[in-house]
């Protein structure tokens, strides 16, 4: 049934298929797999497994319960902006089937804070949480003061998130990636900290009783940063007591290997062609944080090009504490998370790995990580 539905969805235009998938999960139309136990601990949070759903799928916090039903250990909703905005003109999503990739230029299309807030309050008050819930916040395209938008997001959602993600790396909002610069980053991080500090005084009346303003904050960075810019950003995050870095967002680069007629469309490229670039960024970040003694302060969430258990294994070997995917779910269908986690459990068992933390950062290069992952896949 599920492969047939996935195949049918691919006959729809990309954005229509995306909306249909969100609504299906909203109403619980999804497989309910039985999954192995693969616990990981990240930034003080306990995750059932090391595979999450990245932001961008459930932009308006409509389908959290359905997404967890697929087997994800964590789900990140958003990006949510303070005010509603339509995003960029359509068409703005393109499948690159030959390349196992997607290009999108959505541009933070969002129903805004208030709609998402009410849905999240309802979700929390029903006690539906089946895993770790992240809320991804961003700035409105026409905002005169992006820092104020991030303050607003942090203050509004602190009571409802297991963690907050600060998205300053989407390529589809003009000027947003400039906020990653070491000269601008402290302003944004300071605004988020202020929002969290003020959150207790402005928490919704029906917010969960277990509210705490100490919600962990993650920051999502781009894969297109120069090495020194990445290093400077990591140092800023560690100094600001940020708890995690998500590596990476989509890329504006276009590998020569792309074959699709859509390859020159403007927007962020995700899927298989992003895997090595995002993984190299992850590896560089892990090595720098180990070298500076900051690795224990800053967790790493690996995302970009994941479509199999081997891909997850590679990210873990290069230094990720947990991982996320999105594009592969759209391309391969709703059974993908269970396939990945089942195969990953087999690989870990055959390799004698009882604790995922034990393989974190054990490979020095992508080639080494891929060879180890392939060997584990063969033996399993």
Protein backbone atom coordinates (compact mmCIF):
# COMPACT_ATOMS: atom_id res chain seq x y z
CA UNK A 1 0.00 0.00 0.00
CA UNK A 2 2.61 2.55 1.05
CA UNK A 3 4.94 2.13 -1.95
CA UNK A 4 1.90 2.56 -4.21
CA UNK A 5 0.83 5.73 -2.43
CA UNK A 6 4.38 7.10 -2.63
CA UNK A 7 4.50 6.34 -6.36
CA UNK A 8 1.14 8.04 -6.86
CA UNK A 9 2.27 11.12 -4.95
CA UNK A 10 5.23 11.50 -7.29
CA UNK A 11 2.78 11.98 -10.15
CA UNK A 12 1.64 15.23 -8.50
CA UNK A 13 3.55 18.50 -8.80
CA UNK A 14 6.20 18.65 -6.07
CA UNK A 15 4.51 21.23 -3.86
CA UNK A 16 1.08 19.58 -4.21
CA UNK A 17 2.62 16.25 -3.18
CA UNK A 18 4.23 17.94 -0.18
CA UNK A 19 0.91 19.39 0.97
CA UNK A 20 -0.82 16.06 0.49
CA UNK A 21 1.82 14.31 2.60
CA UNK A 22 1.44 16.81 5.43
CA UNK A 23 -2.34 16.40 5.44
CA UNK A 24 -2.06 12.61 5.35
CA UNK A 25 0.12 12.68 8.45
CA UNK A 26 -2.14 15.25 10.05
CA UNK A 27 -4.97 12.69 9.93
CA UNK A 28 -2.77 9.76 10.90
CA UNK A 29 -2.68 8.15 7.47
CA UNK A 30 0.73 6.54 7.77
CA UNK A 31 2.41 3.22 8.55
CA UNK A 32 2.95 2.29 12.20
CA UNK A 33 6.22 0.34 12.20
CA UNK A 34 7.64 -1.69 15.03
CA UNK A 35 11.12 -0.30 15.55
CA UNK A 36 14.33 -1.34 17.33
CA UNK A 37 15.49 0.61 20.36
CA UNK A 38 18.42 2.86 19.42
CA UNK A 39 18.54 5.53 22.15
CA UNK A 40 20.81 8.54 21.99
CA UNK A 41 21.23 11.48 24.34
CA UNK A 42 21.77 14.94 22.87
CA UNK A 43 21.96 18.29 24.69
CA UNK A 44 20.43 16.75 27.80
CA UNK A 45 17.50 15.28 25.84
CA UNK A 46 16.74 11.58 25.44
CA UNK A 47 15.95 10.53 21.86
CA UNK A 48 14.44 7.12 21.04
CA UNK A 49 16.66 6.83 17.98
CA UNK A 50 19.17 8.89 15.95
CA UNK A 51 16.86 9.80 13.05
CA UNK A 52 14.73 12.92 12.98
CA UNK A 53 12.51 14.77 10.53
CA UNK A 54 14.14 18.05 9.52
CA UNK A 55 12.39 21.41 9.45
CA UNK A 56 10.77 22.34 6.16
CA UNK A 57 8.36 19.43 5.96
CA UNK A 58 5.81 20.50 8.58
CA UNK A 59 6.18 24.25 8.26
CA UNK A 60 3.06 25.20 10.23
CA UNK A 61 3.04 22.56 12.98
CA UNK A 62 0.12 20.57 11.59
CA UNK A 63 1.31 16.97 11.60
CA UNK A 64 3.61 16.26 14.54
CA UNK A 65 1.79 13.15 15.77
CA UNK A 66 1.66 11.62 12.29
CA UNK A 67 5.35 12.31 11.71
CA UNK A 68 6.30 10.58 14.95
CA UNK A 69 4.11 7.66 13.88
CA UNK A 70 6.55 7.04 11.00
CA UNK A 71 9.26 6.21 13.55
CA UNK A 72 11.27 9.40 13.84
CA UNK A 73 13.01 9.90 17.17
CA UNK A 74 12.51 13.64 16.87
CA UNK A 75 10.49 15.97 14.68
CA UNK A 76 11.37 19.59 13.97
CA UNK A 77 8.52 21.85 12.80
CA UNK A 78 8.85 25.18 11.02
CA UNK A 79 10.46 27.41 9.97
CA UNK A 80 7.87 29.60 11.73
CA UNK A 81 7.99 33.37 11.27
CA UNK A 82 6.32 35.91 13.58
CA UNK A 83 3.94 37.16 10.89
CA UNK A 84 2.25 35.22 8.08
CA UNK A 85 3.94 35.45 4.71
CA UNK A 86 3.29 33.70 1.39
CA UNK A 87 6.86 32.86 0.47
CA UNK A 88 8.21 33.08 -3.05
CA UNK A 89 6.13 32.83 -6.25
CA UNK A 90 5.26 29.39 -7.60
CA UNK A 91 6.61 27.10 -8.95
CA UNK A 92 9.19 26.99 -6.20
CA UNK A 93 9.90 23.27 -5.68
CA UNK A 94 11.53 21.02 -8.26
CA UNK A 95 12.27 17.31 -8.20
CA UNK A 96 15.57 16.28 -9.77
CA UNK A 97 14.68 12.62 -10.10
CA UNK A 98 17.81 11.63 -12.02
CA UNK A 99 19.93 13.14 -9.26
CA UNK A 100 17.84 11.94 -6.28
CA UNK A 101 17.56 15.56 -5.28
CA UNK A 102 15.24 18.51 -4.77
CA UNK A 103 15.63 22.24 -5.30
CA UNK A 104 13.33 24.51 -3.33
CA UNK A 105 12.96 28.24 -3.01
CA UNK A 106 9.93 28.29 -0.71
CA UNK A 107 11.13 31.41 1.09
CA UNK A 108 9.75 30.73 4.59
CA UNK A 109 6.12 30.46 3.51
CA UNK A 110 4.45 30.49 6.92
CA UNK A 111 1.02 30.93 8.44
CA UNK A 112 2.77 32.81 11.22
CA UNK A 113 3.35 32.49 14.92
CA UNK A 114 -0.23 32.63 16.18
CA UNK A 115 -1.59 29.78 14.07
CA UNK A 116 1.35 27.53 14.89
CA UNK A 117 1.18 28.49 18.56
CA UNK A 118 -2.42 27.35 18.91
CA UNK A 119 -1.72 24.04 17.18
CA UNK A 120 1.30 23.38 19.38
CA UNK A 121 -0.61 24.22 22.57
CA UNK A 122 -3.36 21.80 21.53
CA UNK A 123 -0.81 19.12 20.72
CA UNK A 124 1.00 19.48 24.04
CA UNK A 125 -2.18 19.62 26.11
CA UNK A 126 -3.41 16.37 24.52
CA UNK A 127 -0.25 14.72 25.79
CA UNK A 128 0.49 13.36 22.32
CA UNK A 129 4.27 13.76 22.46
CA UNK A 130 5.85 10.56 21.16
CA UNK A 131 9.38 11.90 20.83
CA UNK A 132 11.51 15.01 21.03
CA UNK A 133 9.82 18.05 19.43
CA UNK A 134 11.93 20.84 17.97
CA UNK A 135 10.56 24.21 16.84
CA UNK A 136 12.47 26.07 14.14
CA UNK A 137 12.16 29.87 14.16
CA UNK A 138 13.03 32.44 11.51
CA UNK A 139 12.69 36.07 10.48
CA UNK A 140 10.12 37.57 8.15
CA UNK A 141 11.40 38.49 4.70
CA UNK A 142 10.49 42.19 5.07
CA UNK A 143 11.49 42.49 8.72
CA UNK A 144 13.29 45.72 9.54
CA UNK A 145 14.89 44.06 12.57
CA UNK A 146 15.55 40.31 12.26
CA UNK A 147 16.86 40.13 15.83
CA UNK A 148 13.44 41.15 17.11
CA UNK A 149 11.85 38.34 15.09
CA UNK A 150 14.14 35.77 16.72
CA UNK A 151 13.41 37.27 20.14
CA UNK A 152 9.71 36.90 19.39
CA UNK A 153 10.09 33.30 18.26
CA UNK A 154 12.11 32.29 21.31
CA UNK A 155 9.71 33.96 23.73
CA UNK A 156 6.63 32.57 22.02
CA UNK A 157 7.66 28.93 21.69
CA UNK A 158 9.93 28.28 24.68
CA UNK A 159 7.04 26.78 26.64
CA UNK A 160 6.21 24.30 23.89
CA UNK A 161 9.54 23.12 22.48
CA UNK A 162 11.87 20.40 23.68
CA UNK A 163 14.47 22.41 21.76
CA UNK A 164 14.47 25.55 19.62
CA UNK A 165 16.34 25.90 16.33
CA UNK A 166 17.50 29.28 15.08
CA UNK A 167 17.42 29.19 11.28
CA UNK A 168 19.88 31.72 9.87
CA UNK A 169 20.95 29.63 6.91
CA UNK A 170 18.10 29.32 4.43
CA UNK A 171 19.26 30.57 1.01
CA UNK A 172 15.76 31.72 0.08
CA UNK A 173 15.34 34.79 2.30
CA UNK A 174 17.52 37.73 1.14
CA UNK A 175 20.20 38.63 3.67
CA UNK A 176 19.40 35.81 6.07
CA UNK A 177 22.72 34.00 5.66
CA UNK A 178 24.54 37.24 6.49
CA UNK A 179 23.41 36.64 10.08
CA UNK A 180 25.85 33.70 10.28
CA UNK A 181 28.75 36.14 10.18
CA UNK A 182 30.67 36.47 13.43
CA UNK A 183 29.87 40.20 13.49
CA UNK A 184 26.10 39.63 13.31
CA UNK A 185 25.70 36.33 15.13
CA UNK A 186 26.06 37.69 18.71
CA UNK A 187 23.13 40.03 18.10
CA UNK A 188 20.86 37.18 17.03
CA UNK A 189 21.98 34.84 19.81
CA UNK A 190 21.54 37.63 22.35
CA UNK A 191 18.00 38.24 21.11
CA UNK A 192 17.15 34.55 21.48
CA UNK A 193 18.59 34.48 25.01
CA UNK A 194 16.53 37.54 25.93
CA UNK A 195 13.43 35.93 24.49
CA UNK A 196 13.96 32.83 26.61
CA UNK A 197 14.59 34.92 29.70
CA UNK A 198 11.34 36.81 29.17
CA UNK A 199 9.34 33.74 28.22
CA UNK A 200 8.21 32.79 31.71
CA UNK A 201 6.38 36.10 32.08
CA UNK A 202 4.59 35.64 28.76
CA UNK A 203 3.93 31.90 28.64
CA UNK A 204 0.47 30.96 27.33
CA UNK A 205 -2.03 30.36 30.13
CA UNK A 206 -2.59 26.80 28.97
CA UNK A 207 1.07 26.01 28.31
CA UNK A 208 2.37 22.70 29.71
CA UNK A 209 2.99 22.64 33.44
CA UNK A 210 6.56 21.42 32.94
CA UNK A 211 7.56 24.65 31.19
CA UNK A 212 11.18 25.71 31.62
CA UNK A 213 12.95 28.69 30.07
CA UNK A 214 16.13 26.62 29.86
CA UNK A 215 15.03 24.94 26.64
CA UNK A 216 18.14 23.95 24.61
CA UNK A 217 18.87 26.13 21.59
CA UNK A 218 20.34 24.79 18.35
CA UNK A 219 21.54 26.85 15.39
CA UNK A 220 21.29 25.68 11.78
CA UNK A 221 24.19 26.64 9.50
CA UNK A 222 24.76 26.56 5.75
CA UNK A 223 27.13 24.19 3.92
CA UNK A 224 28.43 27.03 1.74
CA UNK A 225 30.36 28.88 4.44
CA UNK A 226 34.08 29.41 4.02
CA UNK A 227 36.08 27.30 6.46
CA UNK A 228 37.15 30.24 8.62
CA UNK A 229 33.60 31.55 8.69
CA UNK A 230 32.43 28.17 9.95
CA UNK A 231 35.10 28.10 12.63
CA UNK A 232 34.24 31.63 13.77
CA UNK A 233 30.55 30.75 13.96
CA UNK A 234 31.23 27.59 15.98
CA UNK A 235 33.33 29.56 18.46
CA UNK A 236 30.52 32.08 18.86
CA UNK A 237 27.96 29.33 19.45
CA UNK A 238 30.08 27.64 22.09
CA UNK A 239 30.72 30.91 23.89
CA UNK A 240 27.01 31.77 23.86
CA UNK A 241 26.03 28.46 25.51
CA UNK A 242 24.16 27.26 22.46
CA UNK A 243 23.62 23.53 22.93
CA UNK A 244 23.71 22.21 19.38
CA UNK A 245 24.56 22.98 15.77
CA UNK A 246 22.60 21.52 12.85
CA UNK A 247 24.84 20.81 9.87
CA UNK A 248 23.69 21.59 7.29
CA UNK A 249 20.95 23.48 5.50
CA UNK A 250 20.55 23.26 1.70
CA UNK A 251 23.26 24.45 -0.69
CA UNK A 252 23.29 27.12 -3.40
CA UNK A 253 26.13 25.27 -5.15
CA UNK A 254 25.45 23.06 -8.17
CA UNK A 255 27.73 20.02 -8.59
CA UNK A 256 28.83 19.26 -12.16
CA UNK A 257 27.29 15.81 -11.77
CA UNK A 258 23.70 17.12 -11.88
CA UNK A 259 21.73 15.87 -14.88
CA UNK A 260 18.20 17.18 -14.41
CA UNK A 261 16.76 19.93 -16.59
CA UNK A 262 15.94 21.73 -13.32
CA UNK A 263 19.54 21.88 -12.13
CA UNK A 264 19.91 25.64 -12.66
CA UNK A 265 16.73 26.59 -10.84
CA UNK A 266 17.34 29.13 -8.09
CA UNK A 267 17.06 27.85 -4.54
CA UNK A 268 18.53 25.39 -2.10
CA UNK A 269 19.67 22.00 -3.38
CA UNK A 270 19.04 19.02 -1.09
CA UNK A 271 19.16 15.26 -1.40
CA UNK A 272 21.97 12.96 -2.51
CA UNK A 273 24.21 15.65 -4.16
CA UNK A 274 24.39 17.49 -0.83
CA UNK A 275 25.65 14.49 1.13
CA UNK A 276 29.42 14.91 0.79
CA UNK A 277 29.42 18.71 1.15
CA UNK A 278 27.26 18.59 4.28
CA UNK A 279 29.26 15.68 5.68
CA UNK A 280 32.57 17.49 5.15
CA UNK A 281 31.19 20.50 7.01
CA UNK A 282 30.09 18.20 9.84
CA UNK A 283 33.52 16.55 10.00
CA UNK A 284 35.31 19.90 10.03
CA UNK A 285 33.06 21.13 12.82
CA UNK A 286 33.56 18.02 14.95
CA UNK A 287 37.35 18.18 14.62
CA UNK A 288 37.46 21.87 15.52
CA UNK A 289 35.23 21.44 18.56
CA UNK A 290 37.34 18.50 19.80
CA UNK A 291 40.53 20.48 19.26
CA UNK A 292 39.22 23.48 21.22
CA UNK A 293 37.71 21.40 24.02
CA UNK A 294 34.20 22.58 23.16
CA UNK A 295 32.79 19.32 21.82
CA UNK A 296 31.00 18.44 25.06
CA UNK A 297 29.29 21.85 25.07
CA UNK A 298 28.02 21.72 21.50
CA UNK A 299 26.14 18.73 20.10
CA UNK A 300 26.06 18.11 16.35
CA UNK A 301 22.97 17.15 14.37
CA UNK A 302 23.93 15.80 10.94
CA UNK A 303 21.58 16.50 8.03
CA UNK A 304 21.99 16.68 4.28
CA UNK A 305 21.63 13.90 1.73
CA UNK A 306 20.60 11.09 4.08
CA UNK A 307 18.63 8.37 2.30
CA UNK A 308 19.82 5.11 3.87
CA UNK A 309 21.14 3.49 7.03
CA UNK A 310 24.64 3.69 5.58
CA UNK A 311 24.27 7.46 5.24
CA UNK A 312 23.24 7.76 8.89
CA UNK A 313 26.19 5.57 9.90
CA UNK A 314 28.58 7.83 7.98
CA UNK A 315 27.25 10.95 9.70
CA UNK A 316 27.64 9.30 13.12
CA UNK A 317 31.19 8.19 12.34
CA UNK A 318 32.10 11.73 11.29
CA UNK A 319 30.87 13.21 14.56
CA UNK A 320 27.09 13.58 14.52
CA UNK A 321 25.22 12.83 17.75
CA UNK A 322 21.97 12.38 15.87
CA UNK A 323 20.70 13.00 12.33
CA UNK A 324 17.78 14.37 10.31
CA UNK A 325 16.35 13.89 6.83
CA UNK A 326 13.58 15.40 4.73
CA UNK A 327 14.13 15.19 0.96
CA UNK A 328 14.54 11.41 0.95
CA UNK A 329 11.18 11.04 2.68
CA UNK A 330 9.56 12.96 -0.19
CA UNK A 331 11.43 10.93 -2.80
CA UNK A 332 11.19 7.45 -1.28
CA UNK A 333 7.99 7.41 0.74
CA UNK A 334 6.71 7.00 4.31
CA UNK A 335 8.30 3.61 5.01
CA UNK A 336 11.81 5.06 4.71
CA UNK A 337 12.36 5.86 8.42
CA UNK A 338 11.54 2.30 9.49
CA UNK A 339 13.77 0.84 6.77
CA UNK A 340 16.67 3.05 7.83
CA UNK A 341 16.32 2.34 11.54
CA UNK A 342 15.89 -1.42 11.09
CA UNK A 343 18.94 -1.62 8.84
CA UNK A 344 20.95 0.66 11.13
CA UNK A 345 20.18 -1.59 14.10
CA UNK A 346 21.44 -4.59 12.12
CA UNK A 347 24.62 -2.76 11.12
CA UNK A 348 25.35 -1.70 14.70
CA UNK A 349 24.67 -5.18 16.08
CA UNK A 350 26.89 -6.92 13.53
CA UNK A 351 29.64 -4.38 14.25
CA UNK A 352 29.38 -5.02 17.98
CA UNK A 353 28.22 -1.48 18.76
CA UNK A 354 25.96 -1.38 21.81
CA UNK A 355 25.99 2.40 22.32
CA UNK A 356 25.76 4.78 19.34
CA UNK A 357 27.85 7.34 21.24
CA UNK A 358 30.80 4.96 20.95
CA UNK A 359 31.11 5.46 17.18
CA UNK A 360 30.65 9.22 17.21
CA UNK A 361 33.63 10.81 15.47
CA UNK A 362 35.53 7.56 14.96
CA UNK A 363 36.28 8.25 11.27
CA UNK A 364 38.74 10.94 10.24
CA UNK A 365 37.55 11.33 6.65
CA UNK A 366 34.42 10.82 4.57
CA UNK A 367 36.12 8.05 2.59
CA UNK A 368 37.04 6.19 5.78
CA UNK A 369 33.51 6.61 7.14
CA UNK A 370 31.95 5.34 3.91
CA UNK A 371 34.20 2.29 3.84
CA UNK A 372 33.35 1.45 7.45
CA UNK A 373 29.65 1.93 6.78
CA UNK A 374 29.75 -0.23 3.65
CA UNK A 375 31.58 -2.98 5.53
CA UNK A 376 29.00 -2.88 8.31
CA UNK A 377 26.18 -3.01 5.75
CA UNK A 378 27.69 -6.03 4.01
CA UNK A 379 28.28 -7.96 7.21
CA UNK A 380 24.72 -7.28 8.36
